[in-house]
Amino acid sequence: MSTLYIILSVVLALACLCMITAILLQKKRQAGFSGNVGGMSGDKTYFDKNKARTAEGRLERWTKLLGAFFMILSLVIGFIA
């Protein structure tokens, strides 16, 4: 195995662990039909508009970035192998 492949595999494993941690730290959302019964299916509140400034918003953004990094790194490793 090449050195680059080993280094990228270790980085991929670390990205995976970080992404798992970020996902587990997020709040659970009500999904499906039971989430719509409460009447808050599409209503925007003041807190929804300023969500990006909260810790939850930052965590959601980091999860998206880590997911994109994970996919790109997986593709790079696939092309190297």
N, C-alpha and C. Protein backbone atom coordinates (compact mmCIF):
# COMPACT_ATOMS: atom_id res chain seq x y z
N MET A 1 0.84 -1.19 0.00
CA MET A 1 0.00 0.00 0.00
C MET A 1 0.88 1.24 0.00
N SER A 2 0.38 2.26 -0.67
CA SER A 2 1.15 3.50 -0.71
C SER A 2 0.93 4.30 0.58
N THR A 3 1.86 5.17 0.83
CA THR A 3 1.79 6.01 2.03
C THR A 3 0.60 6.95 1.96
N LEU A 4 0.32 7.49 0.77
CA LEU A 4 -0.81 8.40 0.60
C LEU A 4 -2.13 7.71 0.92
N TYR A 5 -2.27 6.47 0.49
CA TYR A 5 -3.49 5.69 0.76
C TYR A 5 -3.68 5.51 2.27
N ILE A 6 -2.62 5.20 2.98
CA ILE A 6 -2.72 4.99 4.43
C ILE A 6 -3.08 6.29 5.14
N ILE A 7 -2.44 7.38 4.74
CA ILE A 7 -2.72 8.68 5.38
C ILE A 7 -4.17 9.09 5.13
N LEU A 8 -4.63 8.95 3.89
CA LEU A 8 -6.01 9.32 3.58
C LEU A 8 -7.02 8.41 4.29
N SER A 9 -6.68 7.16 4.48
CA SER A 9 -7.57 6.24 5.20
C SER A 9 -7.69 6.64 6.66
N VAL A 10 -6.59 7.07 7.26
CA VAL A 10 -6.63 7.52 8.66
C VAL A 10 -7.45 8.81 8.77
N VAL A 11 -7.26 9.73 7.82
CA VAL A 11 -8.04 10.97 7.82
C VAL A 11 -9.52 10.67 7.63
N LEU A 12 -9.84 9.70 6.77
CA LEU A 12 -11.23 9.29 6.55
C LEU A 12 -11.84 8.72 7.84
N ALA A 13 -11.08 7.91 8.56
CA ALA A 13 -11.58 7.34 9.81
C ALA A 13 -11.83 8.44 10.84
N LEU A 14 -10.94 9.43 10.92
CA LEU A 14 -11.14 10.55 11.85
C LEU A 14 -12.35 11.39 11.46
N ALA A 15 -12.52 11.62 10.16
CA ALA A 15 -13.69 12.38 9.69
C ALA A 15 -14.98 11.63 10.01
N CYS A 16 -14.92 10.31 9.88
CA CYS A 16 -16.08 9.49 10.19
C CYS A 16 -16.45 9.59 11.67
N LEU A 17 -15.46 9.52 12.53
CA LEU A 17 -15.72 9.65 13.97
C LEU A 17 -16.27 11.03 14.33
N CYS A 18 -15.72 12.07 13.70
CA CYS A 18 -16.22 13.43 13.95
C CYS A 18 -17.66 13.59 13.47
N MET A 19 -17.97 13.00 12.32
CA MET A 19 -19.33 13.10 11.79
C MET A 19 -20.32 12.33 12.67
N ILE A 20 -19.92 11.17 13.16
CA ILE A 20 -20.79 10.41 14.06
C ILE A 20 -21.07 11.21 15.32
N THR A 21 -20.04 11.84 15.87
CA THR A 21 -20.20 12.65 17.07
C THR A 21 -21.13 13.83 16.82
N ALA A 22 -20.95 14.51 15.69
CA ALA A 22 -21.80 15.67 15.37
C ALA A 22 -23.25 15.26 15.19
N ILE A 23 -23.48 14.10 14.58
CA ILE A 23 -24.85 13.62 14.39
C ILE A 23 -25.50 13.27 15.72
N LEU A 24 -24.74 12.62 16.59
CA LEU A 24 -25.31 12.22 17.87
C LEU A 24 -25.57 13.39 18.81
N LEU A 25 -24.86 14.51 18.62
CA LEU A 25 -25.07 15.67 19.47
C LEU A 25 -26.27 16.52 19.05
N GLN A 26 -26.80 16.28 17.87
CA GLN A 26 -27.93 17.08 17.41
C GLN A 26 -29.21 16.67 18.11
N LYS A 27 -30.14 17.64 18.16
CA LYS A 27 -31.45 17.37 18.76
C LYS A 27 -32.24 16.46 17.84
N LYS A 28 -33.09 15.65 18.44
CA LYS A 28 -33.97 14.80 17.65
C LYS A 28 -35.13 15.64 17.14
N ARG A 29 -35.54 15.35 15.93
CA ARG A 29 -36.69 16.05 15.33
C ARG A 29 -37.84 15.07 15.19
N GLN A 30 -39.05 15.60 15.28
CA GLN A 30 -40.21 14.76 15.03
C GLN A 30 -40.35 14.63 13.53
N ALA A 31 -40.51 13.41 13.08
CA ALA A 31 -40.59 13.18 11.64
C ALA A 31 -41.87 12.44 11.30
N GLY A 32 -42.20 12.48 10.04
CA GLY A 32 -43.35 11.73 9.57
C GLY A 32 -44.67 12.38 9.91
N PHE A 33 -45.70 11.57 9.95
CA PHE A 33 -47.05 12.07 10.17
C PHE A 33 -47.22 12.65 11.57
N SER A 34 -46.60 12.04 12.56
CA SER A 34 -46.78 12.52 13.93
C SER A 34 -46.18 13.90 14.13
N GLY A 35 -45.16 14.27 13.35
CA GLY A 35 -44.60 15.60 13.45
C GLY A 35 -45.50 16.66 12.87
N ASN A 36 -46.36 16.29 11.93
CA ASN A 36 -47.25 17.25 11.30
C ASN A 36 -48.56 17.42 12.05
N VAL A 37 -48.88 16.53 12.95
CA VAL A 37 -50.15 16.60 13.67
C VAL A 37 -50.18 17.81 14.60
N GLY A 38 -49.03 18.20 15.12
CA GLY A 38 -48.97 19.31 16.06
C GLY A 38 -49.28 20.66 15.47
N GLY A 39 -49.31 20.77 14.15
CA GLY A 39 -49.65 22.04 13.53
C GLY A 39 -48.44 22.90 13.20
N MET A 40 -47.26 22.48 13.55
CA MET A 40 -46.05 23.25 13.27
C MET A 40 -45.31 22.68 12.07
N SER A 41 -46.03 22.25 11.06
CA SER A 41 -45.40 21.57 9.93
C SER A 41 -44.54 22.51 9.09
N GLY A 42 -44.94 23.73 8.87
CA GLY A 42 -44.17 24.61 8.02
C GLY A 42 -44.06 26.02 8.57
N ASP A 43 -44.55 26.24 9.78
CA ASP A 43 -44.53 27.57 10.36
C ASP A 43 -43.11 27.97 10.72
N LYS A 44 -42.78 29.21 10.43
CA LYS A 44 -41.48 29.75 10.79
C LYS A 44 -41.65 30.64 12.01
N THR A 45 -40.80 30.42 12.98
CA THR A 45 -40.84 31.24 14.18
C THR A 45 -39.60 32.13 14.20
N TYR A 46 -39.53 32.99 15.17
CA TYR A 46 -38.38 33.87 15.33
C TYR A 46 -37.11 33.04 15.54
N PHE A 47 -37.22 31.96 16.28
CA PHE A 47 -36.05 31.14 16.57
C PHE A 47 -35.58 30.37 15.34
N ASP A 48 -36.49 30.02 14.45
CA ASP A 48 -36.10 29.35 13.21
C ASP A 48 -35.31 30.28 12.30
N LYS A 49 -35.65 31.55 12.31
CA LYS A 49 -34.95 32.51 11.46
C LYS A 49 -33.53 32.76 11.94
N ASN A 50 -33.29 32.69 13.23
CA ASN A 50 -31.97 32.94 13.79
C ASN A 50 -31.26 31.65 14.19
N LYS A 51 -31.65 30.54 13.61
CA LYS A 51 -31.09 29.25 13.99
C LYS A 51 -29.61 29.14 13.66
N ALA A 52 -29.16 29.78 12.59
CA ALA A 52 -27.75 29.67 12.18
C ALA A 52 -26.81 30.25 13.22
N ARG A 53 -27.30 31.13 14.06
CA ARG A 53 -26.46 31.74 15.09
C ARG A 53 -26.36 30.91 16.36
N THR A 54 -27.20 29.92 16.50
CA THR A 54 -27.19 29.11 17.70
C THR A 54 -26.19 27.97 17.57
N ALA A 55 -25.93 27.32 18.68
CA ALA A 55 -25.02 26.17 18.68
C ALA A 55 -25.59 25.04 17.83
N GLU A 56 -26.89 24.88 17.85
CA GLU A 56 -27.54 23.84 17.05
C GLU A 56 -27.35 24.11 15.56
N GLY A 57 -27.44 25.35 15.15
CA GLY A 57 -27.24 25.71 13.76
C GLY A 57 -25.82 25.47 13.30
N ARG A 58 -24.87 25.83 14.16
CA ARG A 58 -23.46 25.58 13.83
C ARG A 58 -23.16 24.10 13.74
N LEU A 59 -23.75 23.32 14.63
CA LEU A 59 -23.55 21.87 14.62
C LEU A 59 -24.14 21.25 13.36
N GLU A 60 -25.28 21.75 12.93
CA GLU A 60 -25.90 21.27 11.70
C GLU A 60 -25.04 21.60 10.48
N ARG A 61 -24.47 22.80 10.48
CA ARG A 61 -23.60 23.20 9.37
C ARG A 61 -22.33 22.35 9.33
N TRP A 62 -21.73 22.08 10.50
CA TRP A 62 -20.54 21.23 10.56
C TRP A 62 -20.84 19.82 10.12
N THR A 63 -22.03 19.34 10.42
CA THR A 63 -22.40 17.99 9.98
C THR A 63 -22.47 17.93 8.46
N LYS A 64 -23.03 18.95 7.84
CA LYS A 64 -23.10 18.99 6.38
C LYS A 64 -21.71 19.07 5.77
N LEU A 65 -20.84 19.91 6.34
CA LEU A 65 -19.48 20.03 5.82
C LEU A 65 -18.69 18.73 5.99
N LEU A 66 -18.84 18.09 7.13
CA LEU A 66 -18.15 16.82 7.35
C LEU A 66 -18.67 15.74 6.41
N GLY A 67 -19.95 15.75 6.14
CA GLY A 67 -20.52 14.79 5.20
C GLY A 67 -19.97 14.98 3.79
N ALA A 68 -19.87 16.22 3.36
CA ALA A 68 -19.31 16.51 2.04
C ALA A 68 -17.83 16.11 1.99
N PHE A 69 -17.09 16.43 3.04
CA PHE A 69 -15.67 16.06 3.11
C PHE A 69 -15.51 14.54 3.09
N PHE A 70 -16.38 13.84 3.80
CA PHE A 70 -16.34 12.38 3.84
C PHE A 70 -16.57 11.79 2.45
N MET A 71 -17.56 12.32 1.72
CA MET A 71 -17.85 11.80 0.38
C MET A 71 -16.71 12.07 -0.59
N ILE A 72 -16.17 13.28 -0.57
CA ILE A 72 -15.07 13.62 -1.47
C ILE A 72 -13.84 12.77 -1.16
N LEU A 73 -13.52 12.63 0.12
CA LEU A 73 -12.36 11.84 0.51
C LEU A 73 -12.55 10.37 0.14
N SER A 74 -13.77 9.87 0.25
CA SER A 74 -14.04 8.47 -0.15
C SER A 74 -13.83 8.29 -1.65
N LEU A 75 -14.26 9.26 -2.45
CA LEU A 75 -14.04 9.19 -3.88
C LEU A 75 -12.55 9.24 -4.24
N VAL A 76 -11.80 10.09 -3.56
CA VAL A 76 -10.36 10.19 -3.80
C VAL A 76 -9.67 8.88 -3.47
N ILE A 77 -10.02 8.29 -2.34
CA ILE A 77 -9.43 7.00 -1.95
C ILE A 77 -9.82 5.92 -2.94
N GLY A 78 -11.04 5.97 -3.44
CA GLY A 78 -11.49 4.98 -4.43
C GLY A 78 -10.69 5.09 -5.73
N PHE A 79 -10.36 6.30 -6.15
CA PHE A 79 -9.59 6.47 -7.37
C PHE A 79 -8.13 6.07 -7.18
N ILE A 80 -7.61 6.25 -5.96
CA ILE A 80 -6.22 5.88 -5.69
C ILE A 80 -6.06 4.37 -5.64
N ALA A 81 -7.03 3.70 -5.05
CA ALA A 81 -6.91 2.25 -4.84
C ALA A 81 -6.99 1.44 -6.09
